[in-house]
Amino acid sequence: MSASTAAEDPAARIRATRAWRRLSALALIVIVAVGSGCASRDPWQDARIESEVKARLVEEKSANLTRLGVVSRQAVVRLTGTVSSEEQKALAERVATSVGGVRRVVNELEVRPAPG
């Protein structure tokens, strides 16, 4: 082995190591970007879901469900507020579930019978 080959070998190893690290970092970035892209949804989809659930709750004439809180995040609808019966609670959940694009409904409605 000549002196010039021995001198070039450590530099070549350093370059190869740096190239490998860059490639590994790039691969990690791509994996994270693709993985997070799968979990993300169109924010307009959530806005549409919220609007449609609220509109359908207002249309429901058999119960006063107009004051309920409706929030959608990644197509999971969260219902909050109070209703006067278990039937109204179940109805609100059915209404929310019937909207297209809803993956799941988290029903946090509290039942408080109306004072009589």
PDB file of N, CA and C in Angstrom:
ATOM      1  N   MET A   1       0.844  -1.160   0.000  1.00  0.00           N
ATOM      2  CA  MET A   1       0.000   0.000   0.000  1.00  0.00           C
ATOM      3  C   MET A   1       0.890   1.222   0.000  1.00  0.00           C
ATOM      4  N   SER A   2       0.646   2.165  -0.888  1.00  0.00           N
ATOM      5  CA  SER A   2       1.480   3.349  -0.963  1.00  0.00           C
ATOM      6  C   SER A   2       1.020   4.372   0.066  1.00  0.00           C
ATOM      7  N   ALA A   3       1.868   5.379   0.296  1.00  0.00           N
ATOM      8  CA  ALA A   3       1.561   6.414   1.273  1.00  0.00           C
ATOM      9  C   ALA A   3       0.344   7.220   0.851  1.00  0.00           C
ATOM     10  N   SER A   4       0.154   7.481  -0.447  1.00  0.00           N
ATOM     11  CA  SER A   4      -0.980   8.280  -0.912  1.00  0.00           C
ATOM     12  C   SER A   4      -2.294   7.522  -0.732  1.00  0.00           C
ATOM     13  N   THR A   5      -2.275   6.195  -0.914  1.00  0.00           N
ATOM     14  CA  THR A   5      -3.492   5.409  -0.731  1.00  0.00           C
ATOM     15  C   THR A   5      -3.888   5.378   0.728  1.00  0.00           C
ATOM     16  N   ALA A   6      -2.905   5.248   1.611  1.00  0.00           N
ATOM     17  CA  ALA A   6      -3.187   5.236   3.045  1.00  0.00           C
ATOM     18  C   ALA A   6      -3.720   6.578   3.513  1.00  0.00           C
ATOM     19  N   ALA A   7      -3.226   7.668   2.930  1.00  0.00           N
ATOM     20  CA  ALA A   7      -3.675   8.993   3.322  1.00  0.00           C
ATOM     21  C   ALA A   7      -5.087   9.264   2.812  1.00  0.00           C
ATOM     22  N   GLU A   8      -5.435   8.725   1.644  1.00  0.00           N
ATOM     23  CA  GLU A   8      -6.760   8.952   1.084  1.00  0.00           C
ATOM     24  C   GLU A   8      -7.829   8.096   1.769  1.00  0.00           C
ATOM     25  N   ASP A   9      -7.446   6.990   2.286  1.00  0.00           N
ATOM     26  CA  ASP A   9      -8.407   6.071   2.882  1.00  0.00           C
ATOM     27  C   ASP A   9      -9.166   6.684   4.055  1.00  0.00           C
ATOM     28  N   PRO A  10      -8.515   7.345   5.029  1.00  0.00           N
ATOM     29  CA  PRO A  10      -9.283   7.944   6.129  1.00  0.00           C
ATOM     30  C   PRO A  10     -10.240   9.033   5.631  1.00  0.00           C
ATOM     31  N   ALA A  11      -9.840   9.829   4.666  1.00  0.00           N
ATOM     32  CA  ALA A  11     -10.715  10.865   4.134  1.00  0.00           C
ATOM     33  C   ALA A  11     -11.915  10.246   3.424  1.00  0.00           C
ATOM     34  N   ALA A  12     -11.693   9.170   2.704  1.00  0.00           N
ATOM     35  CA  ALA A  12     -12.785   8.488   2.013  1.00  0.00           C
ATOM     36  C   ALA A  12     -13.775   7.909   3.018  1.00  0.00           C
ATOM     37  N   ARG A  13     -13.249   7.382   4.118  1.00  0.00           N
ATOM     38  CA  ARG A  13     -14.132   6.844   5.163  1.00  0.00           C
ATOM     39  C   ARG A  13     -14.971   7.957   5.789  1.00  0.00           C
ATOM     40  N   ILE A  14     -14.347   9.087   6.023  1.00  0.00           N
ATOM     41  CA  ILE A  14     -15.075  10.206   6.619  1.00  0.00           C
ATOM     42  C   ILE A  14     -16.189  10.662   5.680  1.00  0.00           C
ATOM     43  N   ARG A  15     -15.870  10.776   4.390  1.00  0.00           N
ATOM     44  CA  ARG A  15     -16.888  11.173   3.417  1.00  0.00           C
ATOM     45  C   ARG A  15     -18.024  10.146   3.353  1.00  0.00           C
ATOM     46  N   ALA A  16     -17.672   8.890   3.363  1.00  0.00           N
ATOM     47  CA  ALA A  16     -18.688   7.833   3.308  1.00  0.00           C
ATOM     48  C   ALA A  16     -19.565   7.865   4.559  1.00  0.00           C
ATOM     49  N   THR A  17     -18.955   8.090   5.724  1.00  0.00           N
ATOM     50  CA  THR A  17     -19.713   8.160   6.971  1.00  0.00           C
ATOM     51  C   THR A  17     -20.670   9.345   6.957  1.00  0.00           C
ATOM     52  N   ARG A  18     -20.183  10.493   6.489  1.00  0.00           N
ATOM     53  CA  ARG A  18     -21.035  11.679   6.406  1.00  0.00           C
ATOM     54  C   ARG A  18     -22.188  11.464   5.431  1.00  0.00           C
ATOM     55  N   ALA A  19     -21.881  10.837   4.304  1.00  0.00           N
ATOM     56  CA  ALA A  19     -22.922  10.564   3.312  1.00  0.00           C
ATOM     57  C   ALA A  19     -23.974   9.623   3.902  1.00  0.00           C
ATOM     58  N   TRP A  20     -23.538   8.617   4.627  1.00  0.00           N
ATOM     59  CA  TRP A  20     -24.461   7.660   5.254  1.00  0.00           C
ATOM     60  C   TRP A  20     -25.343   8.367   6.279  1.00  0.00           C
ATOM     61  N   ARG A  21     -24.761   9.263   7.079  1.00  0.00           N
ATOM     62  CA  ARG A  21     -25.540  10.003   8.078  1.00  0.00           C
ATOM     63  C   ARG A  21     -26.581  10.897   7.407  1.00  0.00           C
ATOM     64  N   ARG A  22     -26.189  11.559   6.338  1.00  0.00           N
ATOM     65  CA  ARG A  22     -27.138  12.416   5.615  1.00  0.00           C
ATOM     66  C   ARG A  22     -28.279  11.584   5.039  1.00  0.00           C
ATOM     67  N   LEU A  23     -27.938  10.455   4.464  1.00  0.00           N
ATOM     68  CA  LEU A  23     -28.953   9.584   3.890  1.00  0.00           C
ATOM     69  C   LEU A  23     -29.898   9.070   4.974  1.00  0.00           C
ATOM     70  N   SER A  24     -29.349   8.696   6.116  1.00  0.00           N
ATOM     71  CA  SER A  24     -30.171   8.210   7.228  1.00  0.00           C
ATOM     72  C   SER A  24     -31.097   9.312   7.731  1.00  0.00           C
ATOM     73  N   ALA A  25     -30.568  10.531   7.859  1.00  0.00           N
ATOM     74  CA  ALA A  25     -31.386  11.647   8.313  1.00  0.00           C
ATOM     75  C   ALA A  25     -32.508  11.936   7.320  1.00  0.00           C
ATOM     76  N   LEU A  26     -32.189  11.902   6.044  1.00  0.00           N
ATOM     77  CA  LEU A  26     -33.192  12.135   5.017  1.00  0.00           C
ATOM     78  C   LEU A  26     -34.273  11.057   5.059  1.00  0.00           C
ATOM     79  N   ALA A  27     -33.871   9.819   5.230  1.00  0.00           N
ATOM     80  CA  ALA A  27     -34.833   8.720   5.310  1.00  0.00           C
ATOM     81  C   ALA A  27     -35.753   8.900   6.514  1.00  0.00           C
ATOM     82  N   LEU A  28     -35.208   9.331   7.638  1.00  0.00           N
ATOM     83  CA  LEU A  28     -36.003   9.558   8.842  1.00  0.00           C
ATOM     84  C   LEU A  28     -37.019  10.684   8.605  1.00  0.00           C
ATOM     85  N   ILE A  29     -36.580  11.757   7.959  1.00  0.00           N
ATOM     86  CA  ILE A  29     -37.483  12.869   7.664  1.00  0.00           C
ATOM     87  C   ILE A  29     -38.623  12.408   6.766  1.00  0.00           C
ATOM     88  N   VAL A  30     -38.317  11.610   5.761  1.00  0.00           N
ATOM     89  CA  VAL A  30     -39.351  11.107   4.850  1.00  0.00           C
ATOM     90  C   VAL A  30     -40.339  10.223   5.602  1.00  0.00           C
ATOM     91  N   ILE A  31     -39.844   9.367   6.467  1.00  0.00           N
ATOM     92  CA  ILE A  31     -40.719   8.473   7.232  1.00  0.00           C
ATOM     93  C   ILE A  31     -41.652   9.276   8.127  1.00  0.00           C
ATOM     94  N   VAL A  32     -41.116  10.279   8.808  1.00  0.00           N
ATOM     95  CA  VAL A  32     -41.937  11.110   9.694  1.00  0.00           C
ATOM     96  C   VAL A  32     -42.974  11.884   8.882  1.00  0.00           C
ATOM     97  N   ALA A  33     -42.563  12.439   7.752  1.00  0.00           N
ATOM     98  CA  ALA A  33     -43.492  13.212   6.917  1.00  0.00           C
ATOM     99  C   ALA A  33     -44.623  12.336   6.395  1.00  0.00           C
ATOM    100  N   VAL A  34     -44.303  11.153   5.933  1.00  0.00           N
ATOM    101  CA  VAL A  34     -45.325  10.247   5.410  1.00  0.00           C
ATOM    102  C   VAL A  34     -46.230   9.785   6.539  1.00  0.00           C
ATOM    103  N   GLY A  35     -45.650   9.460   7.680  1.00  0.00           N
ATOM    104  CA  GLY A  35     -46.446   8.997   8.820  1.00  0.00           C
ATOM    105  C   GLY A  35     -47.391  10.053   9.335  1.00  0.00           C
ATOM    106  N   SER A  36     -46.931  11.285   9.422  1.00  0.00           N
ATOM    107  CA  SER A  36     -47.808  12.345   9.905  1.00  0.00           C
ATOM    108  C   SER A  36     -48.830  12.726   8.847  1.00  0.00           C
ATOM    109  N   GLY A  37     -48.501  12.559   7.600  1.00  0.00           N
ATOM    110  CA  GLY A  37     -49.449  12.846   6.528  1.00  0.00           C
ATOM    111  C   GLY A  37     -50.629  11.905   6.544  1.00  0.00           C
ATOM    112  N   CYS A  38     -50.426  10.690   6.964  1.00  0.00           N
ATOM    113  CA  CYS A  38     -51.513   9.724   7.021  1.00  0.00           C
ATOM    114  C   CYS A  38     -52.504  10.071   8.120  1.00  0.00           C
ATOM    115  N   ALA A  39     -52.009  10.690   9.199  1.00  0.00           N
ATOM    116  CA  ALA A  39     -52.872  11.015  10.323  1.00  0.00           C
ATOM    117  C   ALA A  39     -53.602  12.336  10.135  1.00  0.00           C
ATOM    118  N   SER A  40     -53.119  13.173   9.244  1.00  0.00           N
ATOM    119  CA  SER A  40     -53.745  14.475   9.089  1.00  0.00           C
ATOM    120  C   SER A  40     -54.969  14.365   8.204  1.00  0.00           C
ATOM    121  N   ARG A  41     -55.892  15.294   8.436  1.00  0.00           N
ATOM    122  CA  ARG A  41     -57.108  15.351   7.642  1.00  0.00           C
ATOM    123  C   ARG A  41     -57.303  16.781   7.186  1.00  0.00           C
ATOM    124  N   ASP A  42     -58.163  16.946   6.260  1.00  0.00           N
ATOM    125  CA  ASP A  42     -58.500  18.256   5.749  1.00  0.00           C
ATOM    126  C   ASP A  42     -59.246  19.034   6.835  1.00  0.00           C
ATOM    127  N   PRO A  43     -58.734  20.210   7.256  1.00  0.00           N
ATOM    128  CA  PRO A  43     -59.434  20.974   8.296  1.00  0.00           C
ATOM    129  C   PRO A  43     -60.822  21.432   7.846  1.00  0.00           C
ATOM    130  N   TRP A  44     -61.029  21.592   6.548  1.00  0.00           N
ATOM    131  CA  TRP A  44     -62.350  21.960   6.048  1.00  0.00           C
ATOM    132  C   TRP A  44     -63.335  20.823   6.249  1.00  0.00           C
ATOM    133  N   GLN A  45     -62.849  19.611   6.268  1.00  0.00           N
ATOM    134  CA  GLN A  45     -63.713  18.452   6.528  1.00  0.00           C
ATOM    135  C   GLN A  45     -64.302  18.557   7.932  1.00  0.00           C
ATOM    136  N   ASP A  46     -63.488  18.915   8.917  1.00  0.00           N
ATOM    137  CA  ASP A  46     -63.987  19.063  10.285  1.00  0.00           C
ATOM    138  C   ASP A  46     -64.976  20.220  10.382  1.00  0.00           C
ATOM    139  N   ALA A  47     -64.708  21.306   9.699  1.00  0.00           N
ATOM    140  CA  ALA A  47     -65.633  22.449   9.710  1.00  0.00           C
ATOM    141  C   ALA A  47     -66.974  22.058   9.097  1.00  0.00           C
ATOM    142  N   ARG A  48     -66.933  21.298   8.005  1.00  0.00           N
ATOM    143  CA  ARG A  48     -68.163  20.839   7.373  1.00  0.00           C
ATOM    144  C   ARG A  48     -68.945  19.919   8.293  1.00  0.00           C
ATOM    145  N   ILE A  49     -68.227  19.008   8.941  1.00  0.00           N
ATOM    146  CA  ILE A  49     -68.884  18.069   9.865  1.00  0.00           C
ATOM    147  C   ILE A  49     -69.555  18.840  10.997  1.00  0.00           C
ATOM    148  N   GLU A  50     -68.850  19.775  11.619  1.00  0.00           N
ATOM    149  CA  GLU A  50     -69.418  20.562  12.718  1.00  0.00           C
ATOM    150  C   GLU A  50     -70.682  21.287  12.265  1.00  0.00           C
ATOM    151  N   SER A  51     -70.591  21.951  11.121  1.00  0.00           N
ATOM    152  CA  SER A  51     -71.739  22.708  10.613  1.00  0.00           C
ATOM    153  C   SER A  51     -72.936  21.802  10.350  1.00  0.00           C
ATOM    154  N   GLU A  52     -72.669  20.660   9.746  1.00  0.00           N
ATOM    155  CA  GLU A  52     -73.767  19.759   9.405  1.00  0.00           C
ATOM    156  C   GLU A  52     -74.400  19.156  10.657  1.00  0.00           C
ATOM    157  N   VAL A  53     -73.586  18.785  11.638  1.00  0.00           N
ATOM    158  CA  VAL A  53     -74.142  18.239  12.886  1.00  0.00           C
ATOM    159  C   VAL A  53     -75.002  19.299  13.565  1.00  0.00           C
ATOM    160  N   LYS A  54     -74.500  20.542  13.654  1.00  0.00           N
ATOM    161  CA  LYS A  54     -75.268  21.619  14.290  1.00  0.00           C
ATOM    162  C   LYS A  54     -76.580  21.860  13.561  1.00  0.00           C
ATOM    163  N   ALA A  55     -76.527  21.876  12.232  1.00  0.00           N
ATOM    164  CA  ALA A  55     -77.750  22.102  11.448  1.00  0.00           C
ATOM    165  C   ALA A  55     -78.761  20.993  11.689  1.00  0.00           C
ATOM    166  N   ARG A  56     -78.312  19.771  11.725  1.00  0.00           N
ATOM    167  CA  ARG A  56     -79.242  18.654  11.940  1.00  0.00           C
ATOM    168  C   ARG A  56     -79.815  18.664  13.363  1.00  0.00           C
ATOM    169  N   LEU A  57     -79.013  19.101  14.339  1.00  0.00           N
ATOM    170  CA  LEU A  57     -79.528  19.205  15.705  1.00  0.00           C
ATOM    171  C   LEU A  57     -80.619  20.274  15.775  1.00  0.00           C
ATOM    172  N   VAL A  58     -80.438  21.389  15.072  1.00  0.00           N
ATOM    173  CA  VAL A  58     -81.442  22.458  15.045  1.00  0.00           C
ATOM    174  C   VAL A  58     -82.716  21.965  14.365  1.00  0.00           C
ATOM    175  N   GLU A  59     -82.575  21.167  13.314  1.00  0.00           N
ATOM    176  CA  GLU A  59     -83.731  20.648  12.580  1.00  0.00           C
ATOM    177  C   GLU A  59     -84.545  19.651  13.398  1.00  0.00           C
ATOM    178  N   GLU A  60     -83.948  19.063  14.410  1.00  0.00           N
ATOM    179  CA  GLU A  60     -84.621  18.037  15.205  1.00  0.00           C
ATOM    180  C   GLU A  60     -85.722  18.690  16.042  1.00  0.00           C
ATOM    181  N   LYS A  61     -86.959  18.521  15.626  1.00  0.00           N
ATOM    182  CA  LYS A  61     -88.094  19.197  16.270  1.00  0.00           C
ATOM    183  C   LYS A  61     -88.586  18.476  17.521  1.00  0.00           C
ATOM    184  N   SER A  62     -88.232  17.217  17.682  1.00  0.00           N
ATOM    185  CA  SER A  62     -88.740  16.465  18.827  1.00  0.00           C
ATOM    186  C   SER A  62     -88.003  16.800  20.124  1.00  0.00           C
ATOM    187  N   ALA A  63     -86.904  17.553  20.031  1.00  0.00           N
ATOM    188  CA  ALA A  63     -86.142  17.911  21.231  1.00  0.00           C
ATOM    189  C   ALA A  63     -85.409  19.223  20.972  1.00  0.00           C
ATOM    190  N   ASN A  64     -85.158  19.972  22.030  1.00  0.00           N
ATOM    191  CA  ASN A  64     -84.398  21.220  21.906  1.00  0.00           C
ATOM    192  C   ASN A  64     -82.921  20.900  22.074  1.00  0.00           C
ATOM    193  N   LEU A  65     -82.234  20.725  20.948  1.00  0.00           N
ATOM    194  CA  LEU A  65     -80.816  20.374  20.959  1.00  0.00           C
ATOM    195  C   LEU A  65     -79.963  21.500  20.379  1.00  0.00           C
ATOM    196  N   THR A  66     -80.504  22.717  20.369  1.00  0.00           N
ATOM    197  CA  THR A  66     -79.824  23.832  19.704  1.00  0.00           C
ATOM    198  C   THR A  66     -78.651  24.401  20.494  1.00  0.00           C
ATOM    199  N   ARG A  67     -78.574  24.160  21.773  1.00  0.00           N
ATOM    200  CA  ARG A  67     -77.513  24.763  22.596  1.00  0.00           C
ATOM    201  C   ARG A  67     -76.358  23.812  22.897  1.00  0.00           C
ATOM    202  N   LEU A  68     -76.308  22.720  22.210  1.00  0.00           N
ATOM    203  CA  LEU A  68     -75.251  21.745  22.469  1.00  0.00           C
ATOM    204  C   LEU A  68     -73.948  22.178  21.812  1.00  0.00           C
ATOM    205  N   GLY A  69     -72.826  21.853  22.469  1.00  0.00           N
ATOM    206  CA  GLY A  69     -71.523  22.115  21.881  1.00  0.00           C
ATOM    207  C   GLY A  69     -71.144  20.990  20.931  1.00  0.00           C
ATOM    208  N   VAL A  70     -70.637  21.364  19.773  1.00  0.00           N
ATOM    209  CA  VAL A  70     -70.229  20.386  18.762  1.00  0.00           C
ATOM    210  C   VAL A  70     -68.840  20.772  18.273  1.00  0.00           C
ATOM    211  N   VAL A  71     -67.881  19.869  18.456  1.00  0.00           N
ATOM    212  CA  VAL A  71     -66.514  20.089  17.975  1.00  0.00           C
ATOM    213  C   VAL A  71     -66.073  18.833  17.246  1.00  0.00           C
ATOM    214  N   SER A  72     -65.458  19.034  16.081  1.00  0.00           N
ATOM    215  CA  SER A  72     -64.936  17.901  15.308  1.00  0.00           C
ATOM    216  C   SER A  72     -63.439  18.068  15.124  1.00  0.00           C
ATOM    217  N   ARG A  73     -62.679  17.052  15.472  1.00  0.00           N
ATOM    218  CA  ARG A  73     -61.233  17.015  15.249  1.00  0.00           C
ATOM    219  C   ARG A  73     -60.890  15.670  14.648  1.00  0.00           C
ATOM    220  N   GLN A  74     -60.359  15.714  13.454  1.00  0.00           N
ATOM    221  CA  GLN A  74     -60.005  14.507  12.703  1.00  0.00           C
ATOM    222  C   GLN A  74     -61.196  13.562  12.599  1.00  0.00           C
ATOM    223  N   ALA A  75     -62.361  14.168  12.338  1.00  0.00           N
ATOM    224  CA  ALA A  75     -63.626  13.462  12.118  1.00  0.00           C
ATOM    225  C   ALA A  75     -64.167  12.762  13.355  1.00  0.00           C
ATOM    226  N   VAL A  76     -63.666  13.119  14.532  1.00  0.00           N
ATOM    227  CA  VAL A  76     -64.218  12.636  15.790  1.00  0.00           C
ATOM    228  C   VAL A  76     -65.029  13.786  16.378  1.00  0.00           C
ATOM    229  N   VAL A  77     -66.335  13.584  16.524  1.00  0.00           N
ATOM    230  CA  VAL A  77     -67.238  14.628  17.003  1.00  0.00           C
ATOM    231  C   VAL A  77     -67.403  14.489  18.510  1.00  0.00           C
ATOM    232  N   ARG A  78     -67.233  15.619  19.201  1.00  0.00           N
ATOM    233  CA  ARG A  78     -67.419  15.669  20.657  1.00  0.00           C
ATOM    234  C   ARG A  78     -68.659  16.517  20.936  1.00  0.00           C
ATOM    235  N   LEU A  79     -69.633  15.918  21.629  1.00  0.00           N
ATOM    236  CA  LEU A  79     -70.859  16.611  22.012  1.00  0.00           C
ATOM    237  C   LEU A  79     -70.777  16.994  23.475  1.00  0.00           C
ATOM    238  N   THR A  80     -71.052  18.261  23.777  1.00  0.00           N
ATOM    239  CA  THR A  80     -71.024  18.735  25.164  1.00  0.00           C
ATOM    240  C   THR A  80     -72.275  19.557  25.445  1.00  0.00           C
ATOM    241  N   GLY A  81     -72.600  19.682  26.718  1.00  0.00           N
ATOM    242  CA  GLY A  81     -73.754  20.464  27.140  1.00  0.00           C
ATOM    243  C   GLY A  81     -74.695  19.615  27.968  1.00  0.00           C
ATOM    244  N   THR A  82     -75.905  20.130  28.116  1.00  0.00           N
ATOM    245  CA  THR A  82     -76.890  19.418  28.927  1.00  0.00           C
ATOM    246  C   THR A  82     -78.160  19.172  28.122  1.00  0.00           C
ATOM    247  N   VAL A  83     -78.785  18.053  28.423  1.00  0.00           N
ATOM    248  CA  VAL A  83     -80.079  17.687  27.852  1.00  0.00           C
ATOM    249  C   VAL A  83     -80.985  17.273  29.000  1.00  0.00           C
ATOM    250  N   SER A  84     -82.292  17.196  28.737  1.00  0.00           N
ATOM    251  CA  SER A  84     -83.222  16.911  29.829  1.00  0.00           C
ATOM    252  C   SER A  84     -83.558  15.434  30.003  1.00  0.00           C
ATOM    253  N   SER A  85     -83.054  14.563  29.092  1.00  0.00           N
ATOM    254  CA  SER A  85     -83.363  13.137  29.247  1.00  0.00           C
ATOM    255  C   SER A  85     -82.312  12.271  28.555  1.00  0.00           C
ATOM    256  N   GLU A  86     -82.315  11.017  28.918  1.00  0.00           N
ATOM    257  CA  GLU A  86     -81.428  10.045  28.265  1.00  0.00           C
ATOM    258  C   GLU A  86     -81.808   9.879  26.797  1.00  0.00           C
ATOM    259  N   GLU A  87     -83.101  10.000  26.501  1.00  0.00           N
ATOM    260  CA  GLU A  87     -83.565   9.883  25.118  1.00  0.00           C
ATOM    261  C   GLU A  87     -82.973  11.000  24.257  1.00  0.00           C
ATOM    262  N   GLN A  88     -82.937  12.225  24.795  1.00  0.00           N
ATOM    263  CA  GLN A  88     -82.345  13.337  24.052  1.00  0.00           C
ATOM    264  C   GLN A  88     -80.842  13.138  23.862  1.00  0.00           C
ATOM    265  N   LYS A  89     -80.200  12.599  24.869  1.00  0.00           N
ATOM    266  CA  LYS A  89     -78.766  12.317  24.769  1.00  0.00           C
ATOM    267  C   LYS A  89     -78.503  11.312  23.644  1.00  0.00           C
ATOM    268  N   ALA A  90     -79.296  10.243  23.619  1.00  0.00           N
ATOM    269  CA  ALA A  90     -79.140   9.217  22.585  1.00  0.00           C
ATOM    270  C   ALA A  90     -79.490   9.778  21.208  1.00  0.00           C
ATOM    271  N   LEU A  91     -80.516  10.621  21.139  1.00  0.00           N
ATOM    272  CA  LEU A  91     -80.920  11.229  19.870  1.00  0.00           C
ATOM    273  C   LEU A  91     -79.807  12.104  19.311  1.00  0.00           C
ATOM    274  N   ALA A  92     -79.207  12.921  20.153  1.00  0.00           N
ATOM    275  CA  ALA A  92     -78.116  13.796  19.703  1.00  0.00           C
ATOM    276  C   ALA A  92     -76.958  12.973  19.159  1.00  0.00           C
ATOM    277  N   GLU A  93     -76.649  11.875  19.805  1.00  0.00           N
ATOM    278  CA  GLU A  93     -75.575  11.005  19.326  1.00  0.00           C
ATOM    279  C   GLU A  93     -75.929  10.381  17.984  1.00  0.00           C
ATOM    280  N   ARG A  94     -77.173   9.932  17.829  1.00  0.00           N
ATOM    281  CA  ARG A  94     -77.607   9.353  16.546  1.00  0.00           C
ATOM    282  C   ARG A  94     -77.525  10.386  15.427  1.00  0.00           C
ATOM    283  N   VAL A  95     -77.939  11.613  15.719  1.00  0.00           N
ATOM    284  CA  VAL A  95     -77.885  12.682  14.718  1.00  0.00           C
ATOM    285  C   VAL A  95     -76.442  12.911  14.285  1.00  0.00           C
ATOM    286  N   ALA A  96     -75.525  13.020  15.251  1.00  0.00           N
ATOM    287  CA  ALA A  96     -74.112  13.261  14.932  1.00  0.00           C
ATOM    288  C   ALA A  96     -73.521  12.096  14.148  1.00  0.00           C
ATOM    289  N   THR A  97     -73.866  10.883  14.520  1.00  0.00           N
ATOM    290  CA  THR A  97     -73.339   9.700  13.852  1.00  0.00           C
ATOM    291  C   THR A  97     -73.821   9.616  12.406  1.00  0.00           C
ATOM    292  N   SER A  98     -74.996  10.162  12.134  1.00  0.00           N
ATOM    293  CA  SER A  98     -75.574  10.053  10.791  1.00  0.00           C
ATOM    294  C   SER A  98     -74.913  10.974   9.770  1.00  0.00           C
ATOM    295  N   VAL A  99     -74.091  11.911  10.211  1.00  0.00           N
ATOM    296  CA  VAL A  99     -73.443  12.852   9.289  1.00  0.00           C
ATOM    297  C   VAL A  99     -72.293  12.151   8.573  1.00  0.00           C
ATOM    298  N   GLY A 100     -72.228  12.309   7.276  1.00  0.00           N
ATOM    299  CA  GLY A 100     -71.182  11.689   6.473  1.00  0.00           C
ATOM    300  C   GLY A 100     -69.795  12.153   6.872  1.00  0.00           C
ATOM    301  N   GLY A 101     -68.866  11.216   6.973  1.00  0.00           N
ATOM    302  CA  GLY A 101     -67.483  11.531   7.304  1.00  0.00           C
ATOM    303  C   GLY A 101     -67.153  11.401   8.771  1.00  0.00           C
ATOM    304  N   VAL A 102     -68.157  11.278   9.628  1.00  0.00           N
ATOM    305  CA  VAL A 102     -67.919  11.149  11.070  1.00  0.00           C
ATOM    306  C   VAL A 102     -67.395   9.752  11.359  1.00  0.00           C
ATOM    307  N   ARG A 103     -66.208   9.691  11.975  1.00  0.00           N
ATOM    308  CA  ARG A 103     -65.616   8.396  12.328  1.00  0.00           C
ATOM    309  C   ARG A 103     -66.132   7.887  13.659  1.00  0.00           C
ATOM    310  N   ARG A 104     -66.328   8.820  14.604  1.00  0.00           N
ATOM    311  CA  ARG A 104     -66.715   8.416  15.958  1.00  0.00           C
ATOM    312  C   ARG A 104     -67.357   9.607  16.644  1.00  0.00           C
ATOM    313  N   VAL A 105     -68.232   9.344  17.617  1.00  0.00           N
ATOM    314  CA  VAL A 105     -68.865  10.397  18.407  1.00  0.00           C
ATOM    315  C   VAL A 105     -68.520  10.162  19.873  1.00  0.00           C
ATOM    316  N   VAL A 106     -68.003  11.203  20.509  1.00  0.00           N
ATOM    317  CA  VAL A 106     -67.742  11.175  21.952  1.00  0.00           C
ATOM    318  C   VAL A 106     -68.866  11.974  22.591  1.00  0.00           C
ATOM    319  N   ASN A 107     -69.755  11.278  23.266  1.00  0.00           N
ATOM    320  CA  ASN A 107     -70.949  11.902  23.832  1.00  0.00           C
ATOM    321  C   ASN A 107     -70.695  12.251  25.294  1.00  0.00           C
ATOM    322  N   GLU A 108     -70.435  13.525  25.544  1.00  0.00           N
ATOM    323  CA  GLU A 108     -70.208  14.012  26.911  1.00  0.00           C
ATOM    324  C   GLU A 108     -71.403  14.806  27.420  1.00  0.00           C
ATOM    325  N   LEU A 109     -72.564  14.568  26.830  1.00  0.00           N
ATOM    326  CA  LEU A 109     -73.756  15.288  27.252  1.00  0.00           C
ATOM    327  C   LEU A 109     -74.165  14.872  28.653  1.00  0.00           C
ATOM    328  N   GLU A 110     -74.590  15.859  29.414  1.00  0.00           N
ATOM    329  CA  GLU A 110     -75.010  15.618  30.792  1.00  0.00           C
ATOM    330  C   GLU A 110     -76.525  15.689  30.842  1.00  0.00           C
ATOM    331  N   VAL A 111     -77.141  14.717  31.507  1.00  0.00           N
ATOM    332  CA  VAL A 111     -78.603  14.687  31.630  1.00  0.00           C
ATOM    333  C   VAL A 111     -78.994  15.397  32.915  1.00  0.00           C
ATOM    334  N   ARG A 112     -79.779  16.471  32.736  1.00  0.00           N
ATOM    335  CA  ARG A 112     -80.338  17.221  33.881  1.00  0.00           C
ATOM    336  C   ARG A 112     -81.811  17.439  33.591  1.00  0.00           C
ATOM    337  N   PRO A 113     -82.670  16.702  34.287  1.00  0.00           N
ATOM    338  CA  PRO A 113     -84.097  16.882  34.039  1.00  0.00           C
ATOM    339  C   PRO A 113     -84.514  18.334  34.287  1.00  0.00           C
ATOM    340  N   ALA A 114     -85.428  18.804  33.436  1.00  0.00           N
ATOM    341  CA  ALA A 114     -85.906  20.187  33.576  1.00  0.00           C
ATOM    342  C   ALA A 114     -86.661  20.326  34.897  1.00  0.00           C
ATOM    343  N   PRO A 115     -86.447  21.458  35.581  1.00  0.00           N
ATOM    344  CA  PRO A 115     -87.167  21.646  36.848  1.00  0.00           C
ATOM    345  C   PRO A 115     -88.675  21.713  36.592  1.00  0.00           C
ATOM    346  N   GLY A 116     -89.416  21.059  37.437  1.00  0.00           N
ATOM    347  CA  GLY A 116     -90.840  20.961  37.156  1.00  0.00           C
ATOM    348  C   GLY A 116     -91.652  21.425  38.220  1.00  0.00           C
TER     349      GLY A 116
END
